[in-house]
N, C-alpha and C. Protein backbone atom coordinates (compact mmCIF):
# COMPACT_ATOMS: atom_id res chain seq x y z
N MET A 1 9.80 -7.47 -16.64
CA MET A 1 9.45 -8.66 -15.92
C MET A 1 8.06 -9.08 -16.43
N HIS A 2 7.89 -10.32 -17.01
CA HIS A 2 6.61 -10.81 -17.43
C HIS A 2 5.81 -11.20 -16.15
N ALA A 3 4.56 -11.06 -16.27
CA ALA A 3 3.68 -11.27 -15.18
C ALA A 3 3.86 -12.62 -14.49
N VAL A 4 3.71 -13.69 -15.28
CA VAL A 4 3.75 -15.05 -14.67
C VAL A 4 5.23 -15.43 -14.32
N GLY A 5 6.12 -15.22 -15.25
CA GLY A 5 7.56 -15.54 -15.01
C GLY A 5 8.12 -14.70 -13.90
N GLY A 6 7.76 -13.44 -13.86
CA GLY A 6 8.18 -12.47 -12.81
C GLY A 6 7.75 -12.93 -11.49
N ARG A 7 6.44 -13.31 -11.38
CA ARG A 7 5.94 -13.71 -10.07
C ARG A 7 6.63 -14.96 -9.53
N GLN A 8 6.89 -15.83 -10.45
CA GLN A 8 7.61 -17.07 -10.01
C GLN A 8 8.97 -16.77 -9.57
N ARG A 9 9.69 -15.94 -10.28
CA ARG A 9 11.11 -15.52 -9.83
C ARG A 9 11.02 -14.87 -8.43
N VAL A 10 10.08 -13.97 -8.20
CA VAL A 10 9.96 -13.28 -6.97
C VAL A 10 9.58 -14.34 -5.92
N HIS A 11 8.65 -15.23 -6.14
CA HIS A 11 8.30 -16.21 -5.20
C HIS A 11 9.48 -17.08 -4.79
N ARG A 12 10.27 -17.49 -5.78
CA ARG A 12 11.51 -18.29 -5.42
C ARG A 12 12.45 -17.52 -4.59
N LYS A 13 12.61 -16.22 -4.84
CA LYS A 13 13.53 -15.49 -4.08
C LYS A 13 13.01 -15.15 -2.67
N LEU A 14 11.68 -15.07 -2.52
CA LEU A 14 11.15 -14.90 -1.19
C LEU A 14 11.38 -16.02 -0.30
N ILE A 15 11.56 -17.16 -0.78
CA ILE A 15 11.71 -18.36 0.05
C ILE A 15 13.08 -18.30 0.74
N GLY A 16 14.10 -17.82 0.12
CA GLY A 16 15.40 -17.89 0.76
C GLY A 16 16.00 -16.48 1.07
N ALA A 17 15.30 -15.41 0.98
CA ALA A 17 15.77 -14.07 1.18
C ALA A 17 14.83 -13.24 2.03
N GLY A 18 15.24 -12.01 2.43
CA GLY A 18 14.33 -11.17 3.17
C GLY A 18 13.20 -10.70 2.31
N HIS A 19 12.00 -10.89 2.83
CA HIS A 19 10.78 -10.62 1.96
C HIS A 19 10.70 -9.14 1.52
N ALA A 20 10.97 -8.29 2.42
CA ALA A 20 10.82 -6.76 2.13
C ALA A 20 11.89 -6.44 1.00
N LEU A 21 13.09 -6.87 1.07
CA LEU A 21 14.15 -6.50 0.15
C LEU A 21 13.76 -7.09 -1.25
N VAL A 22 13.24 -8.26 -1.26
CA VAL A 22 12.91 -8.88 -2.58
C VAL A 22 11.77 -8.11 -3.20
N LEU A 23 10.78 -7.83 -2.45
CA LEU A 23 9.61 -7.04 -2.95
C LEU A 23 10.02 -5.64 -3.39
N GLU A 24 10.84 -5.00 -2.60
CA GLU A 24 11.35 -3.69 -3.04
C GLU A 24 12.10 -3.71 -4.35
N GLY A 25 12.97 -4.78 -4.47
CA GLY A 25 13.65 -4.95 -5.76
C GLY A 25 12.78 -5.15 -6.96
N ALA A 26 11.75 -5.97 -6.72
CA ALA A 26 10.84 -6.26 -7.78
C ALA A 26 10.07 -4.99 -8.19
N ILE A 27 9.72 -4.18 -7.24
CA ILE A 27 8.98 -2.96 -7.56
C ILE A 27 9.96 -1.99 -8.30
N ALA A 28 11.20 -1.86 -7.78
CA ALA A 28 12.10 -1.05 -8.50
C ALA A 28 12.42 -1.44 -9.94
N GLU A 29 12.55 -2.74 -10.10
CA GLU A 29 12.80 -3.26 -11.44
C GLU A 29 11.53 -3.02 -12.37
N ARG A 30 10.40 -3.18 -11.79
CA ARG A 30 9.16 -2.94 -12.61
C ARG A 30 9.07 -1.42 -13.01
N LEU A 31 9.31 -0.53 -12.12
CA LEU A 31 9.24 0.86 -12.38
C LEU A 31 10.29 1.24 -13.36
N ALA A 32 11.45 0.77 -13.21
CA ALA A 32 12.58 1.14 -14.20
C ALA A 32 12.38 0.59 -15.57
N SER A 33 11.71 -0.53 -15.74
CA SER A 33 11.55 -1.14 -17.06
C SER A 33 10.26 -0.88 -17.82
N ASN A 34 9.44 -0.10 -17.21
CA ASN A 34 8.12 0.07 -17.78
C ASN A 34 7.83 1.55 -18.17
N HIS A 35 8.26 2.00 -19.30
CA HIS A 35 8.08 3.36 -19.68
C HIS A 35 6.62 3.64 -20.07
N ALA A 36 5.84 2.53 -20.47
CA ALA A 36 4.48 2.76 -20.89
C ALA A 36 3.61 3.12 -19.70
N ARG A 37 3.97 2.60 -18.55
CA ARG A 37 3.27 2.88 -17.32
C ARG A 37 3.56 4.20 -16.71
N ALA A 38 4.43 4.95 -17.27
CA ALA A 38 4.89 6.21 -16.74
C ALA A 38 3.65 7.24 -16.62
N THR A 39 2.59 7.11 -17.37
CA THR A 39 1.55 8.01 -17.32
C THR A 39 0.81 7.91 -15.98
N HIS A 40 0.93 6.78 -15.34
CA HIS A 40 0.26 6.57 -14.05
C HIS A 40 1.16 6.81 -12.91
N ALA A 41 2.41 7.09 -13.21
CA ALA A 41 3.43 7.21 -12.14
C ALA A 41 3.16 8.26 -11.09
N PRO A 42 2.70 9.54 -11.57
CA PRO A 42 2.45 10.49 -10.51
C PRO A 42 1.32 10.09 -9.55
N LEU A 43 0.28 9.49 -10.04
CA LEU A 43 -0.81 9.07 -9.20
C LEU A 43 -0.32 7.96 -8.21
N ALA A 44 0.45 7.03 -8.79
CA ALA A 44 1.03 5.86 -7.96
C ALA A 44 1.92 6.45 -6.91
N LEU A 45 2.80 7.30 -7.28
CA LEU A 45 3.70 7.92 -6.27
C LEU A 45 3.05 8.66 -5.19
N GLU A 46 2.03 9.44 -5.57
CA GLU A 46 1.30 10.10 -4.56
C GLU A 46 0.52 9.17 -3.61
N ALA A 47 0.00 8.13 -4.20
CA ALA A 47 -0.67 7.08 -3.40
C ALA A 47 0.32 6.35 -2.48
N ALA A 48 1.47 6.06 -2.99
CA ALA A 48 2.51 5.32 -2.24
C ALA A 48 2.89 6.10 -1.01
N GLU A 49 3.00 7.43 -1.16
CA GLU A 49 3.39 8.33 -0.01
C GLU A 49 2.31 8.22 1.11
N ARG A 50 1.08 8.11 0.69
CA ARG A 50 -0.04 8.17 1.70
C ARG A 50 -0.43 6.79 2.20
N LEU A 51 -0.06 5.64 1.56
CA LEU A 51 -0.46 4.35 1.91
C LEU A 51 0.16 3.86 3.24
N ALA A 52 1.26 4.51 3.56
CA ALA A 52 1.91 4.08 4.84
C ALA A 52 1.07 4.35 6.15
N THR A 53 0.18 5.40 5.95
CA THR A 53 -0.54 5.87 7.12
C THR A 53 -2.12 5.92 6.85
N SER A 54 -2.54 5.54 5.59
CA SER A 54 -3.92 5.60 5.33
C SER A 54 -4.43 4.28 4.63
N THR A 55 -5.71 4.12 4.61
CA THR A 55 -6.25 2.95 3.90
C THR A 55 -6.31 3.25 2.40
N VAL A 56 -6.48 2.19 1.64
CA VAL A 56 -6.62 2.35 0.16
C VAL A 56 -7.83 3.21 -0.15
N HIS A 57 -8.93 3.02 0.53
CA HIS A 57 -10.14 3.77 0.27
C HIS A 57 -9.86 5.33 0.61
N ALA A 58 -9.19 5.59 1.73
CA ALA A 58 -8.94 6.93 2.15
C ALA A 58 -8.03 7.66 1.10
N VAL A 59 -7.00 6.91 0.61
CA VAL A 59 -6.14 7.46 -0.36
C VAL A 59 -6.86 7.71 -1.69
N ALA A 60 -7.72 6.80 -2.13
CA ALA A 60 -8.51 7.01 -3.30
C ALA A 60 -9.45 8.23 -3.20
N VAL A 61 -10.06 8.38 -2.07
CA VAL A 61 -10.89 9.61 -1.90
C VAL A 61 -10.06 10.82 -1.92
N TYR A 62 -8.92 10.84 -1.26
CA TYR A 62 -8.04 11.94 -1.29
C TYR A 62 -7.59 12.33 -2.73
N LEU A 63 -7.32 11.33 -3.54
CA LEU A 63 -6.82 11.59 -4.86
C LEU A 63 -8.03 11.78 -5.82
N GLY A 64 -9.19 11.60 -5.41
CA GLY A 64 -10.36 11.88 -6.29
C GLY A 64 -10.61 10.80 -7.28
N VAL A 65 -10.30 9.55 -6.98
CA VAL A 65 -10.44 8.44 -7.85
C VAL A 65 -11.22 7.31 -7.16
N SER A 66 -11.73 6.34 -7.83
CA SER A 66 -12.41 5.30 -7.21
C SER A 66 -11.37 4.27 -6.61
N ASP A 67 -11.74 3.46 -5.71
CA ASP A 67 -10.82 2.40 -5.16
C ASP A 67 -10.35 1.54 -6.28
N ARG A 68 -11.29 1.17 -7.15
CA ARG A 68 -10.88 0.20 -8.16
C ARG A 68 -9.86 0.81 -9.18
N HIS A 69 -10.14 2.08 -9.48
CA HIS A 69 -9.11 2.79 -10.41
C HIS A 69 -7.79 2.89 -9.74
N LEU A 70 -7.77 3.21 -8.46
CA LEU A 70 -6.45 3.28 -7.74
C LEU A 70 -5.80 1.96 -7.75
N ARG A 71 -6.49 0.93 -7.42
CA ARG A 71 -5.96 -0.45 -7.44
C ARG A 71 -5.34 -0.82 -8.78
N ARG A 72 -6.10 -0.55 -9.86
CA ARG A 72 -5.71 -0.84 -11.18
C ARG A 72 -4.41 -0.08 -11.65
N VAL A 73 -4.46 1.21 -11.38
CA VAL A 73 -3.36 2.05 -11.82
C VAL A 73 -2.15 1.79 -10.96
N PHE A 74 -2.29 1.59 -9.68
CA PHE A 74 -1.15 1.33 -8.78
C PHE A 74 -0.54 -0.02 -9.24
N HIS A 75 -1.32 -1.02 -9.47
CA HIS A 75 -0.74 -2.30 -9.79
C HIS A 75 -0.04 -2.24 -11.12
N GLU A 76 -0.64 -1.53 -12.11
CA GLU A 76 0.00 -1.33 -13.41
C GLU A 76 1.34 -0.60 -13.21
N ALA A 77 1.44 0.46 -12.43
CA ALA A 77 2.66 1.18 -12.29
C ALA A 77 3.73 0.54 -11.41
N VAL A 78 3.28 -0.08 -10.26
CA VAL A 78 4.23 -0.56 -9.40
C VAL A 78 4.33 -2.16 -9.45
N GLY A 79 3.43 -2.79 -9.81
CA GLY A 79 3.54 -4.28 -9.96
C GLY A 79 2.91 -5.08 -8.76
N VAL A 80 2.51 -4.35 -7.74
CA VAL A 80 1.86 -4.91 -6.59
C VAL A 80 0.59 -4.10 -6.20
N SER A 81 -0.35 -4.72 -5.51
CA SER A 81 -1.51 -3.96 -5.14
C SER A 81 -1.19 -2.95 -4.10
N PRO A 82 -1.94 -1.86 -4.02
CA PRO A 82 -1.72 -0.88 -3.03
C PRO A 82 -1.82 -1.37 -1.65
N LYS A 83 -2.65 -2.43 -1.39
CA LYS A 83 -2.75 -3.07 -0.07
C LYS A 83 -1.46 -3.68 0.32
N ALA A 84 -0.95 -4.45 -0.60
CA ALA A 84 0.36 -5.14 -0.35
C ALA A 84 1.48 -4.12 -0.13
N PHE A 85 1.47 -3.09 -0.93
CA PHE A 85 2.46 -1.99 -0.74
C PHE A 85 2.36 -1.34 0.66
N ALA A 86 1.10 -1.06 1.05
CA ALA A 86 0.81 -0.50 2.35
C ALA A 86 1.35 -1.34 3.46
N LYS A 87 1.11 -2.67 3.38
CA LYS A 87 1.62 -3.58 4.35
C LYS A 87 3.18 -3.56 4.42
N LEU A 88 3.77 -3.52 3.34
CA LEU A 88 5.28 -3.39 3.27
C LEU A 88 5.73 -2.08 3.97
N ALA A 89 5.15 -1.02 3.60
CA ALA A 89 5.46 0.33 4.10
C ALA A 89 5.36 0.34 5.56
N ARG A 90 4.23 -0.21 6.13
CA ARG A 90 3.96 -0.24 7.51
C ARG A 90 5.04 -1.17 8.26
N PHE A 91 5.33 -2.21 7.65
CA PHE A 91 6.35 -3.20 8.19
C PHE A 91 7.72 -2.39 8.24
N ARG A 92 8.03 -1.78 7.20
CA ARG A 92 9.34 -1.10 7.16
C ARG A 92 9.33 0.07 8.27
N ALA A 93 8.23 0.75 8.46
CA ALA A 93 8.20 1.77 9.51
C ALA A 93 8.37 1.15 10.87
N LEU A 94 7.73 -0.09 11.10
CA LEU A 94 7.86 -0.68 12.42
C LEU A 94 9.28 -1.15 12.59
N VAL A 95 9.99 -1.70 11.59
CA VAL A 95 11.32 -2.11 11.76
C VAL A 95 12.20 -0.95 11.99
N ALA A 96 11.97 0.16 11.37
CA ALA A 96 12.84 1.39 11.59
C ALA A 96 12.67 1.86 12.99
N LEU A 97 11.40 1.85 13.49
CA LEU A 97 11.20 2.21 14.92
C LEU A 97 11.90 1.28 15.87
N ARG A 98 11.88 0.04 15.59
CA ARG A 98 12.47 -1.00 16.44
C ARG A 98 14.03 -0.77 16.57
N TYR A 99 14.70 -0.33 15.47
CA TYR A 99 16.11 -0.15 15.44
C TYR A 99 16.62 1.27 15.69
N GLU A 100 15.65 2.16 15.93
CA GLU A 100 16.07 3.55 16.31
C GLU A 100 16.71 3.49 17.70
N PRO A 101 17.74 4.34 17.94
CA PRO A 101 18.29 4.41 19.27
C PRO A 101 17.22 4.71 20.37
N GLY A 102 17.14 3.93 21.34
CA GLY A 102 16.14 4.06 22.38
C GLY A 102 14.78 3.43 22.08
N GLY A 103 14.76 2.73 20.87
CA GLY A 103 13.51 2.01 20.39
C GLY A 103 13.49 0.72 20.72
């Protein structure tokens, strides 16, 4: 997915579809199609696991990198900022809680 063209496609899809599903699809497409970014994948995956419950700064400290480096590497590997990813992860967790039996 090219940066500008890809963003425009994602934006058009967001208008008529579920935001979370579209963003997840774009992230999956980006990860699947970018072998050059694979060197940053372990850091990005570790960060992704922690971003649902921590701030970008706290994750960067935990991983031993600067906030800026984490943002750059995460965006290169995933295609969205760690902050946007964290918002999506938190939203999904909230929706999952809402639809749990007894929730």
